[in-house]
Amino acid sequence: VQLQASGGGLVQAGGSLRLSCAASGSIFSFHALGWYRQAPGKERESVAVIISGGSTNYADSVQGRFTVSRDNAKNTLYLQMNSLKPEDTAVYYCNFINPYGMRYWGKGTQVTVSS
């Protein structure tokens, strides 16, 4: 399966963006769908994950501001980002894990938050 992330851009602090990650095939059977980010000079970190049963997990730094969701009918993963901060600036990647543990990465989308 191929993943295509979109929705990044330049936004002022306090603003919102919605990222999308469209899969080329069905995502119904995938075990975990998540968003990661990598800021310049930093390691890639997990931002938000949604498990097949619907439970979600967020990094402490985005808890209460970001919401991850999935639309199986559209084969798409979303990340709604509100109250954005300059420290949210990074390249955001989507990552899917199938029931066998195989990981699929999408190309990143740049999010830049100005102060």
N, C-alpha and C. Protein backbone atom coordinates (compact mmCIF):
# COMPACT_ATOMS: atom_id res chain seq x y z
N VAL A 1 0.85 -1.18 0.00
CA VAL A 1 0.00 0.00 0.00
C VAL A 1 0.88 1.23 0.00
N GLN A 2 0.45 2.25 -0.73
CA GLN A 2 1.17 3.52 -0.76
C GLN A 2 0.37 4.57 -0.01
N LEU A 3 1.10 5.44 0.69
CA LEU A 3 0.46 6.47 1.50
C LEU A 3 0.85 7.85 0.99
N GLN A 4 -0.10 8.74 0.95
CA GLN A 4 0.14 10.11 0.50
C GLN A 4 -0.39 11.08 1.53
N ALA A 5 0.52 11.77 2.18
CA ALA A 5 0.12 12.77 3.18
C ALA A 5 -0.04 14.13 2.52
N SER A 6 -0.97 14.91 3.03
CA SER A 6 -1.21 16.25 2.51
C SER A 6 -1.81 17.11 3.61
N GLY A 7 -1.91 18.40 3.34
CA GLY A 7 -2.57 19.30 4.27
C GLY A 7 -1.64 20.20 5.06
N GLY A 8 -0.34 20.00 4.90
CA GLY A 8 0.59 20.85 5.62
C GLY A 8 0.61 22.25 5.04
N GLY A 9 1.31 23.13 5.74
CA GLY A 9 1.40 24.51 5.26
C GLY A 9 1.95 25.42 6.33
N LEU A 10 1.82 26.71 6.07
CA LEU A 10 2.28 27.74 6.98
C LEU A 10 1.07 28.33 7.70
N VAL A 11 1.14 28.39 9.02
CA VAL A 11 0.03 28.91 9.81
C VAL A 11 0.60 29.69 10.99
N GLN A 12 -0.15 30.68 11.44
CA GLN A 12 0.28 31.43 12.61
C GLN A 12 -0.02 30.65 13.89
N ALA A 13 0.73 30.97 14.92
CA ALA A 13 0.49 30.33 16.21
C ALA A 13 -0.96 30.55 16.64
N GLY A 14 -1.54 29.49 17.16
CA GLY A 14 -2.95 29.53 17.54
C GLY A 14 -3.89 29.05 16.45
N GLY A 15 -3.36 28.88 15.26
CA GLY A 15 -4.18 28.45 14.14
C GLY A 15 -4.36 26.95 14.09
N SER A 16 -5.02 26.50 13.02
CA SER A 16 -5.34 25.08 12.86
C SER A 16 -4.96 24.58 11.47
N LEU A 17 -4.68 23.32 11.40
CA LEU A 17 -4.47 22.63 10.15
C LEU A 17 -5.05 21.22 10.27
N ARG A 18 -5.43 20.66 9.15
CA ARG A 18 -5.90 19.28 9.12
C ARG A 18 -5.07 18.50 8.12
N LEU A 19 -4.35 17.53 8.60
CA LEU A 19 -3.55 16.68 7.74
C LEU A 19 -4.37 15.46 7.32
N SER A 20 -4.11 15.00 6.11
CA SER A 20 -4.75 13.79 5.61
C SER A 20 -3.69 12.84 5.11
N CYS A 21 -3.95 11.56 5.23
CA CYS A 21 -3.05 10.54 4.70
C CYS A 21 -3.93 9.53 3.96
N ALA A 22 -3.86 9.59 2.65
CA ALA A 22 -4.69 8.72 1.82
C ALA A 22 -3.91 7.47 1.44
N ALA A 23 -4.53 6.32 1.62
CA ALA A 23 -3.90 5.05 1.28
C ALA A 23 -4.40 4.57 -0.08
N SER A 24 -3.54 3.87 -0.79
CA SER A 24 -3.91 3.38 -2.12
C SER A 24 -4.81 2.16 -2.06
N GLY A 25 -4.93 1.57 -0.87
CA GLY A 25 -5.79 0.41 -0.70
C GLY A 25 -6.55 0.48 0.60
N SER A 26 -7.24 -0.58 0.92
CA SER A 26 -8.05 -0.61 2.12
C SER A 26 -7.20 -0.53 3.38
N ILE A 27 -7.68 0.27 4.33
CA ILE A 27 -6.97 0.38 5.60
C ILE A 27 -7.70 -0.35 6.71
N PHE A 28 -8.78 -1.03 6.34
CA PHE A 28 -9.64 -1.64 7.34
C PHE A 28 -8.88 -2.61 8.23
N SER A 29 -7.96 -3.37 7.65
CA SER A 29 -7.30 -4.43 8.40
C SER A 29 -6.03 -3.97 9.11
N PHE A 30 -5.65 -2.72 8.90
CA PHE A 30 -4.41 -2.28 9.52
C PHE A 30 -4.57 -2.17 11.03
N HIS A 31 -3.55 -2.61 11.74
CA HIS A 31 -3.59 -2.66 13.20
C HIS A 31 -3.48 -1.28 13.82
N ALA A 32 -2.58 -0.48 13.33
CA ALA A 32 -2.36 0.83 13.93
C ALA A 32 -2.04 1.84 12.84
N LEU A 33 -2.63 2.99 12.96
CA LEU A 33 -2.38 4.10 12.03
C LEU A 33 -1.90 5.28 12.86
N GLY A 34 -0.83 5.90 12.44
CA GLY A 34 -0.31 6.96 13.27
C GLY A 34 0.34 8.09 12.50
N TRP A 35 0.59 9.14 13.24
CA TRP A 35 1.31 10.31 12.74
C TRP A 35 2.59 10.48 13.55
N TYR A 36 3.66 10.75 12.84
CA TYR A 36 4.94 11.05 13.44
C TYR A 36 5.39 12.41 12.91
N ARG A 37 6.35 12.99 13.59
CA ARG A 37 6.92 14.24 13.09
C ARG A 37 8.41 14.29 13.38
N GLN A 38 9.09 15.06 12.56
CA GLN A 38 10.53 15.24 12.74
C GLN A 38 10.88 16.69 12.50
N ALA A 39 11.37 17.33 13.54
CA ALA A 39 11.81 18.71 13.45
C ALA A 39 13.30 18.73 13.09
N PRO A 40 13.78 19.81 12.53
CA PRO A 40 15.20 19.90 12.16
C PRO A 40 16.11 19.61 13.35
N GLY A 41 17.05 18.71 13.15
CA GLY A 41 18.00 18.39 14.20
C GLY A 41 17.48 17.49 15.29
N LYS A 42 16.26 17.02 15.15
CA LYS A 42 15.66 16.16 16.17
C LYS A 42 15.29 14.81 15.59
N GLU A 43 15.09 13.85 16.46
CA GLU A 43 14.67 12.53 16.04
C GLU A 43 13.17 12.53 15.73
N ARG A 44 12.78 11.59 14.89
CA ARG A 44 11.36 11.44 14.59
C ARG A 44 10.64 10.96 15.84
N GLU A 45 9.47 11.55 16.11
CA GLU A 45 8.72 11.19 17.30
C GLU A 45 7.27 10.88 16.95
N SER A 46 6.68 10.04 17.76
CA SER A 46 5.28 9.72 17.59
C SER A 46 4.42 10.87 18.08
N VAL A 47 3.40 11.21 17.32
CA VAL A 47 2.50 12.30 17.68
C VAL A 47 1.14 11.74 18.13
N ALA A 48 0.58 10.87 17.32
CA ALA A 48 -0.75 10.34 17.62
C ALA A 48 -0.92 9.00 16.91
N VAL A 49 -1.61 8.10 17.57
CA VAL A 49 -1.86 6.77 17.01
C VAL A 49 -3.30 6.38 17.27
N ILE A 50 -3.92 5.74 16.29
CA ILE A 50 -5.25 5.16 16.48
C ILE A 50 -5.15 3.68 16.16
N ILE A 51 -5.62 2.88 17.12
CA ILE A 51 -5.53 1.43 17.00
C ILE A 51 -6.80 0.90 16.33
N SER A 52 -6.74 -0.32 15.83
CA SER A 52 -7.86 -0.88 15.08
C SER A 52 -9.16 -0.88 15.86
N GLY A 53 -9.11 -1.02 17.16
CA GLY A 53 -10.33 -1.00 17.96
C GLY A 53 -10.88 0.39 18.19
N GLY A 54 -10.13 1.40 17.79
CA GLY A 54 -10.60 2.77 17.91
C GLY A 54 -9.93 3.57 19.01
N SER A 55 -9.16 2.92 19.85
CA SER A 55 -8.49 3.67 20.91
C SER A 55 -7.38 4.52 20.33
N THR A 56 -7.09 5.62 21.02
CA THR A 56 -6.09 6.57 20.54
C THR A 56 -5.05 6.84 21.62
N ASN A 57 -3.90 7.29 21.16
CA ASN A 57 -2.83 7.65 22.08
C ASN A 57 -2.11 8.87 21.52
N TYR A 58 -1.80 9.81 22.39
CA TYR A 58 -1.18 11.06 21.95
C TYR A 58 0.09 11.34 22.74
N ALA A 59 1.00 12.02 22.08
CA ALA A 59 2.16 12.54 22.80
C ALA A 59 1.68 13.59 23.79
N ASP A 60 2.36 13.69 24.92
CA ASP A 60 1.96 14.66 25.94
C ASP A 60 1.93 16.08 25.37
N SER A 61 2.83 16.37 24.47
CA SER A 61 2.97 17.72 23.94
C SER A 61 1.79 18.16 23.07
N VAL A 62 0.99 17.19 22.59
CA VAL A 62 -0.13 17.55 21.71
C VAL A 62 -1.48 17.17 22.31
N GLN A 63 -1.47 16.50 23.45
CA GLN A 63 -2.70 16.07 24.10
C GLN A 63 -3.64 17.26 24.31
N GLY A 64 -4.89 17.10 23.89
CA GLY A 64 -5.87 18.15 24.05
C GLY A 64 -5.90 19.15 22.90
N ARG A 65 -4.90 19.10 22.03
CA ARG A 65 -4.87 20.03 20.89
C ARG A 65 -5.03 19.30 19.55
N PHE A 66 -4.54 18.08 19.48
CA PHE A 66 -4.59 17.30 18.24
C PHE A 66 -5.60 16.17 18.38
N THR A 67 -6.22 15.82 17.27
CA THR A 67 -7.16 14.70 17.25
C THR A 67 -6.89 13.84 16.03
N VAL A 68 -6.66 12.56 16.26
CA VAL A 68 -6.43 11.63 15.16
C VAL A 68 -7.72 10.86 14.89
N SER A 69 -8.01 10.63 13.62
CA SER A 69 -9.21 9.88 13.26
C SER A 69 -8.96 9.14 11.94
N ARG A 70 -9.82 8.19 11.67
CA ARG A 70 -9.68 7.41 10.45
C ARG A 70 -11.05 7.26 9.79
N ASP A 71 -11.04 7.21 8.47
CA ASP A 71 -12.26 6.96 7.70
C ASP A 71 -11.97 5.75 6.83
N ASN A 72 -12.43 4.60 7.27
CA ASN A 72 -12.14 3.36 6.53
C ASN A 72 -12.76 3.38 5.14
N ALA A 73 -13.90 4.03 5.00
CA ALA A 73 -14.57 4.07 3.69
C ALA A 73 -13.75 4.85 2.68
N LYS A 74 -13.02 5.86 3.16
CA LYS A 74 -12.20 6.69 2.28
C LYS A 74 -10.74 6.27 2.33
N ASN A 75 -10.42 5.25 3.10
CA ASN A 75 -9.03 4.80 3.24
C ASN A 75 -8.10 5.95 3.62
N THR A 76 -8.53 6.74 4.56
CA THR A 76 -7.80 7.96 4.90
C THR A 76 -7.67 8.12 6.41
N LEU A 77 -6.51 8.57 6.81
CA LEU A 77 -6.21 8.92 8.19
C LEU A 77 -6.11 10.43 8.27
N TYR A 78 -6.60 10.99 9.38
CA TYR A 78 -6.58 12.44 9.55
C TYR A 78 -5.87 12.83 10.84
N LEU A 79 -5.38 14.05 10.86
CA LEU A 79 -4.86 14.64 12.09
C LEU A 79 -5.34 16.08 12.13
N GLN A 80 -6.28 16.36 13.00
CA GLN A 80 -6.76 17.72 13.22
C GLN A 80 -5.86 18.37 14.25
N MET A 81 -5.23 19.46 13.88
CA MET A 81 -4.29 20.15 14.76
C MET A 81 -4.82 21.53 15.06
N ASN A 82 -5.13 21.77 16.32
CA ASN A 82 -5.62 23.07 16.77
C ASN A 82 -4.63 23.71 17.73
N SER A 83 -4.80 24.99 17.94
CA SER A 83 -3.93 25.74 18.87
C SER A 83 -2.46 25.45 18.60
N LEU A 84 -2.10 25.56 17.35
CA LEU A 84 -0.73 25.23 16.96
C LEU A 84 0.28 26.17 17.58
N LYS A 85 1.44 25.59 17.87
CA LYS A 85 2.54 26.34 18.50
C LYS A 85 3.76 26.28 17.58
N PRO A 86 4.65 27.24 17.70
CA PRO A 86 5.88 27.18 16.89
C PRO A 86 6.64 25.87 17.06
N GLU A 87 6.58 25.28 18.24
CA GLU A 87 7.30 24.03 18.46
C GLU A 87 6.64 22.83 17.77
N ASP A 88 5.49 23.04 17.17
CA ASP A 88 4.87 21.99 16.36
C ASP A 88 5.45 21.95 14.94
N THR A 89 6.29 22.92 14.62
CA THR A 89 6.90 22.97 13.30
C THR A 89 7.74 21.72 13.05
N ALA A 90 7.44 21.02 11.98
CA ALA A 90 8.14 19.77 11.66
C ALA A 90 7.60 19.22 10.34
N VAL A 91 8.27 18.20 9.86
CA VAL A 91 7.71 17.41 8.77
C VAL A 91 6.89 16.29 9.41
N TYR A 92 5.65 16.16 8.98
CA TYR A 92 4.75 15.17 9.55
C TYR A 92 4.62 14.00 8.58
N TYR A 93 4.70 12.79 9.15
CA TYR A 93 4.63 11.56 8.37
C TYR A 93 3.49 10.68 8.89
N CYS A 94 2.83 9.99 7.99
CA CYS A 94 1.87 8.99 8.43
C CYS A 94 2.52 7.61 8.34
N ASN A 95 2.06 6.74 9.21
CA ASN A 95 2.65 5.41 9.34
C ASN A 95 1.56 4.41 9.64
N PHE A 96 1.50 3.37 8.84
CA PHE A 96 0.50 2.32 9.05
C PHE A 96 1.23 1.02 9.39
N ILE A 97 0.67 0.25 10.29
CA ILE A 97 1.22 -1.05 10.65
C ILE A 97 0.16 -2.11 10.38
N ASN A 98 0.52 -3.12 9.58
CA ASN A 98 -0.46 -4.16 9.28
C ASN A 98 -0.44 -5.23 10.37
N PRO A 99 -1.37 -6.18 10.33
CA PRO A 99 -1.44 -7.19 11.40
C PRO A 99 -0.18 -8.02 11.55
N TYR A 100 0.70 -8.02 10.57
CA TYR A 100 1.94 -8.80 10.62
C TYR A 100 3.12 -7.95 11.08
N GLY A 101 2.85 -6.70 11.46
CA GLY A 101 3.91 -5.84 11.96
C GLY A 101 4.68 -5.08 10.90
N MET A 102 4.26 -5.20 9.65
CA MET A 102 4.96 -4.48 8.59
C MET A 102 4.55 -3.01 8.61
N ARG A 103 5.53 -2.13 8.51
CA ARG A 103 5.28 -0.69 8.55
C ARG A 103 5.30 -0.08 7.16
N TYR A 104 4.41 0.84 6.95
CA TYR A 104 4.35 1.61 5.71
C TYR A 104 4.43 3.09 6.07
N TRP A 105 5.31 3.80 5.37
CA TRP A 105 5.49 5.22 5.63
C TRP A 105 5.04 6.03 4.42
N GLY A 106 4.40 7.16 4.68
CA GLY A 106 4.09 8.09 3.62
C GLY A 106 5.17 9.15 3.54
N LYS A 107 5.24 9.84 2.42
CA LYS A 107 6.13 10.98 2.31
C LYS A 107 5.61 12.08 3.23
N GLY A 108 6.50 12.83 3.79
CA GLY A 108 6.11 13.83 4.76
C GLY A 108 5.44 15.05 4.17
N THR A 109 4.77 15.77 5.04
CA THR A 109 4.19 17.05 4.68
C THR A 109 4.66 18.08 5.70
N GLN A 110 5.12 19.21 5.21
CA GLN A 110 5.73 20.22 6.09
C GLN A 110 4.66 21.06 6.78
N VAL A 111 4.82 21.19 8.08
CA VAL A 111 3.98 22.10 8.87
C VAL A 111 4.89 23.14 9.50
N THR A 112 4.59 24.40 9.24
CA THR A 112 5.38 25.49 9.79
C THR A 112 4.46 26.43 10.54
N VAL A 113 4.76 26.64 11.81
CA VAL A 113 3.95 27.51 12.65
C VAL A 113 4.78 28.74 13.01
N SER A 114 4.31 29.89 12.60
CA SER A 114 5.03 31.14 12.88
C SER A 114 4.53 31.76 14.18
N SER A 115 5.43 32.43 14.87
CA SER A 115 5.07 33.05 16.16
C SER A 115 4.53 34.45 15.96
